[in-house]
Amino acid sequence: MSITTYEGASAVFTYADKPAILIFISFLVAAVSLYALIATIVHEKHSYALPDDELNKLK
């Protein structure tokens, strides 16, 4: 069975004709991704920077 016609099919693309909103959403996604990456790097550097002699104090 294959689709040969789109008659009766419908879809809603709310922002398809508004490029400013698409650009805003794209920048928002990029900013959140960049924040997550930077937060992960900072956390890992902090975690591995802990001196071994202070490790026993935390246990």
Protein backbone atom coordinates (compact mmCIF):
# COMPACT_ATOMS: atom_id res chain seq x y z
CA MET A 1 0.00 0.00 0.00
CA SER A 2 1.45 3.36 -0.97
CA ILE A 3 0.24 6.91 -0.61
CA THR A 4 -0.58 8.38 -3.98
CA THR A 5 -2.57 11.43 -2.91
CA TYR A 6 -2.59 13.86 -0.02
CA GLU A 7 -6.27 14.67 -0.41
CA GLY A 8 -7.89 15.01 2.98
CA ALA A 9 -4.57 15.01 4.81
CA SER A 10 -3.79 18.03 6.93
CA ALA A 11 -0.96 19.24 9.11
CA VAL A 12 -0.43 22.31 11.20
CA PHE A 13 2.88 24.10 10.88
CA THR A 14 2.34 26.99 13.25
CA TYR A 15 5.61 28.82 12.62
CA ALA A 16 6.37 27.75 9.07
CA ASP A 17 5.59 31.16 7.62
CA LYS A 18 7.27 33.19 10.39
CA PRO A 19 11.05 33.08 9.93
CA ALA A 20 11.71 35.38 12.92
CA ILE A 21 10.15 32.84 15.30
CA LEU A 22 12.03 29.96 13.68
CA ILE A 23 15.30 31.87 14.07
CA PHE A 24 14.46 32.69 17.70
CA ILE A 25 13.69 29.05 18.48
CA SER A 26 16.92 27.96 16.75
CA PHE A 27 18.99 30.42 18.79
CA LEU A 28 17.21 29.33 21.97
CA VAL A 29 18.02 25.67 21.30
CA ALA A 30 21.64 26.55 20.50
CA ALA A 31 21.96 28.66 23.67
CA VAL A 32 20.52 25.94 25.91
CA SER A 33 22.81 23.35 24.32
CA LEU A 34 25.85 25.59 24.74
CA TYR A 35 24.92 26.29 28.37
CA ALA A 36 24.62 22.56 29.08
CA LEU A 37 28.01 21.92 27.48
CA ILE A 38 29.75 24.70 29.42
CA ALA A 39 28.09 23.69 32.70
CA THR A 40 29.26 20.12 32.17
CA ILE A 41 32.84 21.22 31.44
CA VAL A 42 32.94 23.47 34.53
CA HIS A 43 31.50 20.71 36.72
CA GLU A 44 33.97 18.10 35.48
CA LYS A 45 36.96 20.43 35.91
CA HIS A 46 35.84 21.19 39.45
CA SER A 47 35.28 17.51 40.23
CA TYR A 48 38.72 16.44 39.04
CA ALA A 49 40.51 19.43 40.61
CA LEU A 50 39.82 18.18 44.14
CA PRO A 51 43.11 17.31 45.84
CA ASP A 52 43.42 13.73 47.06
CA ASP A 53 44.28 14.75 50.63
CA GLU A 54 40.93 16.50 50.97
CA LEU A 55 39.08 13.47 49.68
CA ASN A 56 39.08 11.76 53.09
CA LYS A 57 37.38 14.79 54.67
CA LEU A 58 34.42 14.35 52.36
CA LYS A 59 33.82 10.70 53.26
